[in-house]
Amino acid sequence: MQFVYNILIPFIAAMIATFWIHPKILKIALLKNLVDNPDARKLQRNPVPVMGGIAVFFGIIIGLSSSQFNEPSRYLFILIAAMIIMLYIGAIDDILNLSPKLRFLIEVSVILTVMLVNNVSINDFFGLWGINAIPSWLSIPLTATAAVGIINAINMIDGVNGLSSSICIFSSSIFAIMFYASGNFVMTKVAVSAVGALIPFFLHNVFGRSTKMFIGDSGALLMGILMSMFAIEILNTNSPCRQFAIQGMSIIAFTLATLAIPVFDTLRVMSSRILHRRSPFSPDKTHLHHLFIELGFTHVGTTISIMTFNTIILGLWWFSYKYGAAIDTQLYIVLGAGVLFTFIFYNVTKRELRRGSNTLYIRALKRTGRFLRIEINTLFSSIQKVIDQL
């Protein structure tokens, strides 16, 4: 019954609710011309409605409302309040284009408020480098930096159809498993509700033609704050996940591996912008997904490739843990794999493309891109027809 109440019911309720609300939100977005218009930096060719985040939020709330909470849920109340604020700010940004500085200040303020009200932060290294609990003067800036970084990582990776939603479905699923295994059923329900709410959006975003919507800044900031709250919940000294640290699991390596590609790619992009004396928030086309598009990958092919990278990193961490690697070794493996699949992969591939070389390496990548062009097959078209009817 725990599985039914904590996973199945919230998941199904969230999914049904998002499927139901999606066409209504789409109609409003088209009526009010709330669309993302194409430009030199963006990859779409036609205006696309950007209110998908509202549909996802509705699904999450219905998913949470469908299941009874017997545990103390003050943290849940603050989490939902933070989600509402980020959704609201993102929606304003979608319509009015807020300045990056203002949005950054709001993100920091929200994170600090959550930490102070709930007295929770990333304040434990769980034995990594011999460090356990850390003082508040260190944990507060560490938490704010990590949380804002995750929020912007989710926002910045939202560049091709299905990418940000698949990253969040993947991460929420992994976090849900961890929460469920540790007995944290409140956060389990939040995570599975997020998965259930994101799946209908993902299907419309990838397969929809007349029903396609972007998640927008509202949805990206919403999911960013949710991912950051998952990380904070896992990495605080009172976390039920501590039981796994006692068994030799690096909780920090696990959390980083789950969000590896968005985090490492954002670090790469921001560091490159700073080195070129530009604002780290200035828009450009230097993300990993832009590179795949340049190689000839379709949106779906790009999403599959990046998700494969992230899955490999998580798999490497899992095998290192299962085969008894020390907790610091587990972290080094995740760090090395993250750097390999973002910094090194991007720079090596970009260098080869600039040289105009037709090496075996570039040919193999382009061949992979052609293989993953599933948008041109009949099955994709059949699914598209079904999704557009929903």
Protein backbone atom coordinates (compact mmCIF):
# COMPACT_ATOMS: atom_id res chain seq x y z
CA MET A 1 0.00 0.00 0.00
CA GLN A 2 2.95 2.34 0.53
CA PHE A 3 3.75 1.99 -3.16
CA VAL A 4 0.15 2.78 -4.13
CA TYR A 5 -0.23 5.86 -1.90
CA ASN A 6 3.27 7.27 -2.28
CA ILE A 7 3.98 6.56 -5.95
CA LEU A 8 1.12 5.21 -8.05
CA ILE A 9 -1.72 7.55 -7.07
CA PRO A 10 0.30 10.83 -7.20
CA PHE A 11 1.90 9.77 -10.49
CA ILE A 12 -1.37 8.88 -12.25
CA ALA A 13 -3.23 11.91 -10.88
CA ALA A 14 -0.49 14.30 -11.99
CA MET A 15 -0.33 12.77 -15.45
CA ILE A 16 -4.10 12.86 -16.00
CA ALA A 17 -4.31 16.44 -14.71
CA THR A 18 -1.58 17.67 -17.07
CA PHE A 19 -3.15 15.89 -20.06
CA TRP A 20 -6.47 17.57 -19.18
CA ILE A 21 -5.15 21.10 -18.64
CA HIS A 22 -2.65 21.18 -21.53
CA PRO A 23 -5.09 21.99 -24.39
CA LYS A 24 -6.76 24.67 -22.29
CA ILE A 25 -3.44 26.39 -21.49
CA LEU A 26 -2.45 26.06 -25.16
CA LYS A 27 -5.67 27.77 -26.25
CA ILE A 28 -5.08 30.67 -23.85
CA ALA A 29 -1.46 31.06 -24.97
CA LEU A 30 -2.47 31.21 -28.64
CA LEU A 31 -5.37 33.59 -27.91
CA LYS A 32 -3.12 36.01 -26.00
CA ASN A 33 -0.14 35.52 -28.34
CA LEU A 34 2.06 34.26 -25.49
CA VAL A 35 4.60 32.66 -27.80
CA ASP A 36 8.35 32.29 -28.21
CA ASN A 37 9.28 33.91 -31.51
CA PRO A 38 12.24 32.55 -33.51
CA ASP A 39 15.44 34.59 -33.78
CA ALA A 40 19.11 34.08 -34.67
CA ARG A 41 19.87 32.31 -31.36
CA LYS A 42 16.82 30.05 -31.13
CA LEU A 43 16.39 26.81 -32.99
CA GLN A 44 12.66 26.79 -33.80
CA ARG A 45 11.40 28.20 -37.10
CA ASN A 46 7.89 29.19 -36.02
CA PRO A 47 6.36 30.88 -32.95
CA VAL A 48 5.59 28.35 -30.21
CA PRO A 49 3.41 28.91 -27.09
CA VAL A 50 5.48 29.11 -23.90
CA MET A 51 3.00 28.36 -21.10
CA GLY A 52 3.92 24.70 -20.61
CA GLY A 53 5.25 25.40 -17.12
CA ILE A 54 1.77 26.30 -15.90
CA ALA A 55 0.40 22.96 -17.11
CA VAL A 56 3.23 21.10 -15.37
CA PHE A 57 2.70 23.00 -12.10
CA PHE A 58 -1.03 22.21 -12.20
CA GLY A 59 -0.23 18.52 -12.62
CA ILE A 60 2.23 18.52 -9.71
CA ILE A 61 -0.27 20.17 -7.37
CA ILE A 62 -3.06 17.74 -8.34
CA GLY A 63 -0.66 14.83 -7.85
CA LEU A 64 0.21 16.04 -4.36
CA SER A 65 -3.43 16.74 -3.53
CA SER A 66 -4.44 13.20 -4.47
CA SER A 67 -2.53 11.55 -1.63
CA GLN A 68 -2.85 11.98 2.12
CA PHE A 69 0.15 13.30 4.07
CA ASN A 70 0.56 11.76 7.50
CA GLU A 71 4.07 13.16 7.95
CA PRO A 72 4.90 16.72 9.08
CA SER A 73 4.85 18.80 5.90
CA ARG A 74 6.00 22.32 6.76
CA TYR A 75 8.84 21.79 4.30
CA LEU A 76 6.28 20.88 1.65
CA PHE A 77 4.38 24.13 2.24
CA ILE A 78 7.55 26.20 1.79
CA LEU A 79 8.52 24.15 -1.27
CA ILE A 80 5.17 24.82 -2.96
CA ALA A 81 5.43 28.52 -2.07
CA ALA A 82 8.90 28.67 -3.65
CA MET A 83 7.59 26.88 -6.75
CA ILE A 84 4.75 29.40 -7.08
CA ILE A 85 7.16 32.34 -6.81
CA MET A 86 9.52 30.90 -9.41
CA LEU A 87 6.62 30.03 -11.72
CA TYR A 88 5.32 33.59 -11.42
CA ILE A 89 8.73 35.17 -12.03
CA GLY A 90 9.34 32.88 -14.99
CA ALA A 91 5.96 33.77 -16.50
CA ILE A 92 6.78 37.48 -16.19
CA ASP A 93 10.14 36.79 -17.79
CA ASP A 94 8.45 34.95 -20.67
CA ILE A 95 6.26 38.00 -21.33
CA LEU A 96 8.44 40.98 -20.38
CA ASN A 97 12.03 39.64 -20.48
CA LEU A 98 13.36 40.43 -17.01
CA SER A 99 17.01 41.41 -16.67
CA PRO A 100 19.34 38.52 -15.69
CA LYS A 101 20.50 40.48 -12.61
CA LEU A 102 16.98 40.91 -11.28
CA ARG A 103 16.15 37.28 -11.89
CA PHE A 104 19.39 36.25 -10.17
CA LEU A 105 18.56 38.35 -7.09
CA ILE A 106 15.08 36.83 -6.91
CA GLU A 107 16.50 33.31 -7.15
CA VAL A 108 18.97 33.99 -4.32
CA SER A 109 16.22 35.55 -2.19
CA VAL A 110 13.92 32.57 -2.64
CA ILE A 111 16.66 30.08 -1.78
CA LEU A 112 17.71 32.03 1.31
CA THR A 113 14.10 32.29 2.47
CA VAL A 114 13.61 28.54 2.14
CA MET A 115 16.81 27.88 4.08
CA LEU A 116 15.96 30.29 6.89
CA VAL A 117 12.31 29.32 7.30
CA ASN A 118 12.93 25.57 7.21
CA ASN A 119 16.38 25.68 8.80
CA VAL A 120 17.70 23.40 6.08
CA SER A 121 20.78 23.63 3.88
CA ILE A 122 23.56 21.61 2.27
CA ASN A 123 25.44 21.25 5.54
CA ASP A 124 26.96 17.76 5.52
CA PHE A 125 29.68 16.14 3.40
CA PHE A 126 28.88 12.68 4.84
CA GLY A 127 32.53 11.80 5.44
CA LEU A 128 33.89 13.06 2.12
CA TRP A 129 37.55 14.05 2.66
CA GLY A 130 36.94 13.32 6.33
CA ILE A 131 34.33 16.10 6.59
CA ASN A 132 30.87 15.60 8.05
CA ALA A 133 28.67 18.48 9.30
CA ILE A 134 29.83 21.95 8.26
CA PRO A 135 29.08 25.28 10.01
CA SER A 136 26.30 27.60 8.85
CA TRP A 137 28.69 30.35 7.74
CA LEU A 138 29.91 27.89 5.10
CA SER A 139 26.73 25.92 4.40
CA ILE A 140 24.55 28.96 3.65
CA PRO A 141 26.67 30.42 0.80
CA LEU A 142 27.39 26.88 -0.45
CA THR A 143 23.68 26.07 -0.60
CA ALA A 144 22.77 29.37 -2.27
CA THR A 145 25.48 28.90 -4.90
CA ALA A 146 24.57 25.28 -5.60
CA ALA A 147 20.82 25.93 -5.73
CA VAL A 148 21.06 28.97 -8.00
CA GLY A 149 23.49 27.02 -10.17
CA ILE A 150 21.01 24.14 -10.54
CA ILE A 151 18.15 26.53 -11.32
CA ASN A 152 20.13 28.19 -14.09
CA ALA A 153 21.45 24.86 -15.34
CA ILE A 154 17.91 23.59 -15.90
CA ASN A 155 16.94 26.90 -17.51
CA MET A 156 19.95 27.03 -19.83
CA ILE A 157 19.62 23.46 -21.07
CA ASP A 158 16.11 24.20 -22.31
CA GLY A 159 17.11 24.57 -25.96
CA VAL A 160 15.69 21.68 -27.99
CA ASN A 161 12.43 19.77 -27.91
CA GLY A 162 12.22 17.34 -25.02
CA LEU A 163 15.64 18.05 -23.49
CA SER A 164 14.82 19.93 -20.29
CA SER A 165 11.72 17.84 -19.61
CA SER A 166 13.58 14.55 -20.17
CA ILE A 167 16.40 15.71 -17.89
CA CYS A 168 13.85 16.56 -15.19
CA ILE A 169 11.90 13.32 -15.69
CA PHE A 170 15.15 11.37 -15.37
CA SER A 171 16.40 13.29 -12.34
CA SER A 172 13.03 13.30 -10.55
CA SER A 173 12.74 9.54 -11.09
CA ILE A 174 16.19 8.89 -9.64
CA PHE A 175 15.55 11.20 -6.68
CA ALA A 176 12.16 9.51 -6.12
CA ILE A 177 13.90 6.13 -5.86
CA MET A 178 16.34 7.55 -3.32
CA PHE A 179 13.60 9.22 -1.27
CA TYR A 180 11.43 6.10 -1.29
CA ALA A 181 14.32 3.84 -0.30
CA SER A 182 15.21 6.16 2.58
CA GLY A 183 11.62 6.40 3.84
CA ASN A 184 11.12 10.07 2.94
CA PHE A 185 7.60 9.68 1.56
CA VAL A 186 6.76 13.40 1.43
CA MET A 187 9.54 14.08 -1.07
CA THR A 188 8.79 10.80 -2.84
CA LYS A 189 5.31 12.10 -3.63
CA VAL A 190 6.71 15.42 -4.84
CA ALA A 191 9.20 13.69 -7.14
CA VAL A 192 6.74 11.19 -8.65
CA SER A 193 4.16 13.96 -9.11
CA ALA A 194 6.78 15.89 -11.06
CA VAL A 195 7.44 12.85 -13.24
CA GLY A 196 3.74 12.31 -13.88
CA ALA A 197 3.18 16.00 -14.72
CA LEU A 198 6.19 16.18 -17.04
CA ILE A 199 5.41 13.12 -19.17
CA PRO A 200 2.34 14.64 -20.95
CA PHE A 201 4.25 17.87 -21.53
CA PHE A 202 7.20 15.88 -22.93
CA LEU A 203 4.93 14.01 -25.34
CA HIS A 204 3.32 17.21 -26.64
CA ASN A 205 6.68 19.01 -26.77
CA VAL A 206 8.37 16.25 -28.77
CA PHE A 207 5.58 14.73 -30.85
CA GLY A 208 2.99 17.48 -30.98
CA ARG A 209 2.58 19.57 -34.10
CA SER A 210 -0.54 21.64 -33.43
CA THR A 211 -0.31 20.96 -29.67
CA LYS A 212 3.38 21.74 -29.14
CA MET A 213 4.26 24.04 -26.24
CA PHE A 214 7.56 25.12 -24.74
CA ILE A 215 7.97 24.87 -20.99
CA GLY A 216 9.17 28.50 -21.00
CA ASP A 217 11.12 30.27 -18.28
CA SER A 218 8.15 29.68 -15.97
CA GLY A 219 8.54 25.92 -16.26
CA ALA A 220 12.34 25.98 -16.34
CA LEU A 221 12.55 28.03 -13.13
CA LEU A 222 9.82 25.89 -11.57
CA MET A 223 11.71 22.68 -12.28
CA GLY A 224 15.01 24.31 -11.37
CA ILE A 225 13.82 25.20 -7.87
CA LEU A 226 12.38 21.71 -7.51
CA MET A 227 15.66 20.02 -8.49
CA SER A 228 17.60 22.28 -6.13
CA MET A 229 15.22 21.49 -3.26
CA PHE A 230 15.67 17.76 -3.94
CA ALA A 231 19.43 18.25 -3.67
CA ILE A 232 19.14 20.25 -0.43
CA GLU A 233 16.82 17.64 1.07
CA ILE A 234 19.33 14.88 0.31
CA LEU A 235 22.48 16.74 1.36
CA ASN A 236 21.51 18.05 4.78
CA THR A 237 22.66 16.52 8.03
CA ASN A 238 19.15 15.35 9.02
CA SER A 239 18.52 13.61 5.71
CA PRO A 240 17.20 10.03 5.90
CA CYS A 241 19.67 9.31 3.09
CA ARG A 242 22.42 9.34 5.71
CA GLN A 243 21.79 5.61 6.14
CA PHE A 244 23.25 5.01 2.67
CA ALA A 245 26.33 7.09 3.46
CA ILE A 246 27.01 4.73 6.37
CA GLN A 247 26.94 1.90 3.82
CA GLY A 248 29.68 3.52 1.73
CA MET A 249 27.62 5.55 -0.74
CA SER A 250 28.85 9.01 -1.68
CA ILE A 251 25.64 11.02 -1.43
CA ILE A 252 27.33 14.05 -2.98
CA ALA A 253 28.56 12.00 -5.96
CA PHE A 254 25.06 10.53 -6.40
CA THR A 255 23.40 13.95 -6.44
CA LEU A 256 25.96 15.40 -8.84
CA ALA A 257 25.75 12.39 -11.16
CA THR A 258 21.96 12.67 -11.34
CA LEU A 259 22.20 16.27 -12.59
CA ALA A 260 25.60 15.91 -14.26
CA ILE A 261 25.09 17.15 -17.82
CA PRO A 262 23.07 20.32 -17.05
CA VAL A 263 25.44 21.23 -14.20
CA PHE A 264 28.72 20.58 -16.02
CA ASP A 265 27.56 22.09 -19.31
CA THR A 266 26.41 25.24 -17.51
CA LEU A 267 29.78 25.48 -15.73
CA ARG A 268 31.53 25.12 -19.09
CA VAL A 269 29.40 27.75 -20.81
CA MET A 270 29.59 30.26 -17.95
CA SER A 271 33.35 29.86 -17.49
CA SER A 272 33.86 30.34 -21.23
CA ARG A 273 31.79 33.53 -21.21
CA ILE A 274 33.71 34.90 -18.22
CA LEU A 275 37.06 34.09 -19.88
CA HIS A 276 35.88 36.06 -22.92
CA ARG A 277 34.91 38.96 -20.63
CA ARG A 278 31.19 38.58 -21.13
CA SER A 279 28.37 38.24 -18.65
CA PRO A 280 27.88 34.58 -17.61
CA PHE A 281 24.16 35.10 -18.28
CA SER A 282 24.58 36.52 -21.80
CA PRO A 283 22.79 34.35 -24.39
CA ASP A 284 24.75 32.54 -27.10
CA LYS A 285 24.83 29.25 -29.02
CA THR A 286 27.64 27.46 -27.19
CA HIS A 287 25.65 24.86 -25.26
CA LEU A 288 26.09 21.15 -25.80
CA HIS A 289 22.75 20.88 -27.59
CA HIS A 290 23.84 23.56 -30.09
CA LEU A 291 26.89 21.43 -30.93
CA PHE A 292 24.75 18.40 -31.67
CA ILE A 293 22.49 20.47 -33.92
CA GLU A 294 25.60 21.74 -35.75
CA LEU A 295 26.64 18.11 -36.28
CA GLY A 296 23.33 17.44 -38.02
CA PHE A 297 21.41 15.86 -35.15
CA THR A 298 17.67 16.47 -34.94
CA HIS A 299 16.05 17.68 -31.72
CA VAL A 300 15.11 14.15 -30.72
CA GLY A 301 18.56 12.84 -31.62
CA THR A 302 20.15 15.60 -29.55
CA THR A 303 17.95 14.79 -26.56
CA ILE A 304 18.71 11.07 -26.82
CA SER A 305 22.45 11.72 -27.05
CA ILE A 306 22.61 14.09 -24.07
CA MET A 307 20.42 11.82 -21.96
CA THR A 308 22.72 8.93 -22.87
CA PHE A 309 25.69 10.95 -21.59
CA ASN A 310 23.92 11.65 -18.30
CA THR A 311 22.86 8.01 -17.92
CA ILE A 312 26.42 6.83 -18.49
CA ILE A 313 27.72 9.18 -15.80
CA LEU A 314 25.13 7.95 -13.31
CA GLY A 315 25.92 4.36 -14.29
CA LEU A 316 29.64 4.89 -13.73
CA TRP A 317 28.89 6.26 -10.27
CA TRP A 318 26.60 3.31 -9.48
CA PHE A 319 29.20 0.70 -10.49
CA SER A 320 31.90 2.49 -8.52
CA TYR A 321 29.66 2.39 -5.45
CA LYS A 322 28.54 -1.23 -5.90
CA TYR A 323 32.12 -2.42 -6.37
CA GLY A 324 33.26 -0.78 -3.17
CA ALA A 325 35.04 2.37 -4.34
CA ALA A 326 35.78 4.88 -1.59
CA ILE A 327 33.41 7.83 -1.36
CA ASP A 328 36.02 10.29 -2.61
CA THR A 329 36.82 7.97 -5.54
CA GLN A 330 33.12 7.88 -6.44
CA LEU A 331 33.13 11.68 -6.58
CA TYR A 332 36.30 11.81 -8.70
CA ILE A 333 34.74 9.37 -11.17
CA VAL A 334 31.66 11.57 -11.51
CA LEU A 335 33.78 14.72 -11.86
CA GLY A 336 36.00 13.08 -14.48
CA ALA A 337 33.06 11.75 -16.48
CA GLY A 338 31.23 15.08 -16.27
CA VAL A 339 34.28 16.96 -17.57
CA LEU A 340 34.79 14.34 -20.31
CA PHE A 341 31.24 14.52 -21.66
CA THR A 342 30.99 18.32 -21.56
CA PHE A 343 34.26 20.27 -21.48
CA ILE A 344 36.45 17.81 -23.38
CA PHE A 345 33.80 16.50 -25.78
CA TYR A 346 32.63 19.99 -26.70
CA ASN A 347 36.08 21.52 -27.19
CA VAL A 348 37.53 18.58 -29.13
CA THR A 349 34.50 18.34 -31.41
CA LYS A 350 34.32 22.09 -31.96
CA ARG A 351 38.02 22.22 -32.80
CA GLU A 352 37.63 19.46 -35.38
CA LEU A 353 34.63 21.19 -36.94
CA ARG A 354 36.48 24.52 -37.16
CA ARG A 355 39.34 22.81 -38.97
CA GLY A 356 36.85 21.48 -41.47
CA SER A 357 38.32 18.03 -40.97
CA ASN A 358 36.49 14.92 -42.11
CA THR A 359 38.08 12.59 -39.62
CA LEU A 360 36.73 9.23 -38.55
CA TYR A 361 35.64 10.88 -35.30
CA ILE A 362 33.50 13.53 -37.03
CA ARG A 363 32.12 11.05 -39.54
CA ALA A 364 31.10 8.74 -36.71
CA LEU A 365 29.28 11.54 -34.92
CA LYS A 366 27.44 12.62 -38.07
CA ARG A 367 26.54 9.01 -38.83
CA THR A 368 25.10 8.70 -35.33
CA GLY A 369 23.08 11.84 -35.94
CA ARG A 370 21.61 10.38 -39.12
CA PHE A 371 20.80 7.12 -37.32
CA LEU A 372 18.88 9.01 -34.62
CA ARG A 373 16.64 10.94 -37.03
CA ILE A 374 13.54 9.16 -35.83
CA GLU A 375 11.33 12.15 -36.69
CA ILE A 376 11.30 11.04 -40.32
CA ASN A 377 9.92 7.51 -39.75
CA THR A 378 6.27 6.49 -39.95
CA LEU A 379 6.05 5.51 -36.27
CA PHE A 380 6.93 9.07 -35.23
CA SER A 381 4.24 10.45 -37.55
CA SER A 382 1.69 8.00 -36.16
CA ILE A 383 2.48 9.00 -32.58
CA GLN A 384 2.31 12.65 -33.60
CA LYS A 385 -1.25 12.20 -34.91
CA VAL A 386 -2.32 10.56 -31.66
CA ILE A 387 -0.73 13.22 -29.46
CA ASP A 388 -2.30 16.05 -31.44
CA GLN A 389 -5.71 14.54 -30.72
CA LEU A 390 -5.20 14.55 -26.94
